[in-house]
Amino acid sequence: MKSLLLSLRDVLVSLKLTVVLLVFSMLLVFVATLDQVNLGIWAVQAKYFRSFIVYSRIGDLTIPIFPGGYLVGGLLLANLIAGHIYRWGFQLRKAGIILTHFGLILLLVGELLSGLWQKEYHLRLSEGETRSYAESFRENELVIMDITDPKFDDVVALPEPLLARKAEVQHPRLPFRVVPKAYYPNADLLRRTDATRPAVATTGFGTTLDAIPQPVTHREDQRNLPAAFVELVAPDQSLGTFLVSLQLVMPQDFTYGGRTWRIMLRTARAYYPFSLKLLKFTHDRYPGTEIPKNFSSRLRLQTPDGRDDREVLVYMNNPLRYAGLTFYQAGFENNDTTTVLQVVRNPSWLIPYIACALMSLGLLVQFSIHLVGFARRRRRAPQPAAA
């Protein structure tokens, strides 16, 4: 057993493993770059870099074909740490290398934390509009709202994966169960033409519509439009099966227990304890051309308690950082009257900067150590005799 552990340790600290992992890293980046044409940037990140194993479909089979980014990066991290513990140790003359490697370790850890923690949303604001939430780029949610009180809506949001797993949900704020019957990650809605075939939906707009499954798209300029059939089951009766889809913009309301409810599938939202109002969007162009020179959003930031009430200007390379979020100027719509902000939450955003600073400092220290040593050896070297 001891010899086995020693053998594993020798493999882990070996330079050969470092070279193999670096080759795997280059192949991973190369193949992922080529596959980005087919999958788009988000799917490529998930498939190649934020996974332990890269899988591929061959016929009806899904088989592992290559180590993913988490596995390669994790082994590189372990290889580097083990090398310092068992092979190199600590030597003052290698302080720069140690500092550089520590920066590299921090960079790998930062990438892992970014993959786990980073969330990205978008916020669309027309001039004069105020919002306190942003919407996801790719995630959706089933929402069931109690809209009885005209002053506020009591909202229960269920994430899309629950629909995909057809997981039955009994939420404590709902007097009925939510039972997903069918889920399609991408579907078209067509008006029913075959009256002899019973509709899946028994109430709402879905009684006159069919959901036709479509291939899932990964293109950045296209979006999947999921649809699902959901039955609401109260203790005493079924309230019917609803068709929900992002294509159904009109709400579907119903009553139960003396209250009015609304059900819909919408883009997932992230709510914030402050609001942003678009005061003015500016789109400057170079004279005589349509080439953008600058676009910026003047916003009013307000908190409910009044502690913050100020104007901010967001433009290219000048994001707004507030409450752990970063708002980047990402685009515009509707003849320059609507701004699109990318909203990023990444608690580990400082780590790559610190890591790069440590690596730069380490290289500088190591260069200085070698420079001083070279100068000392040069001074001690015997001077050639005068002719």
Foldseek 3Di string as FASTA:
>chain_A
DVVVVVVVLCVLQDVVLVVVLVVLVVVLVVVLVVCCVAFNDVVSCVQAAVDQFHWDDDPNDIDTDGGHNVNSLVSNLSNLVSNQVPPVDDDPLQQLVVLQSVLVNLQSVLVNQCSVDKAKFKDKAFAQDKDQKTFHPAWKWKWKWFCQDVVDIDIDTHTPVCLVVQPKDDDPVDQWIKGWDDKAQAWDKDFDDDPVDAFPWDDDPRRGIDTGHDDAGNDPVDYGKMKTWIWIGHPVGTPIIDIEICPPPDWDWDDDPRTIMTIYMGTDMDGHQKMKHFNFWDWDDDPPDPHTDWIKTWIWIAGPVRPGTDIDIAIAPRWDDDPQKTWHFDAADDVRRMTMTMIMHRPSVCSNVVSVVSSVVSVVVSVVSVVVVVVVVVVPDDDDDDD
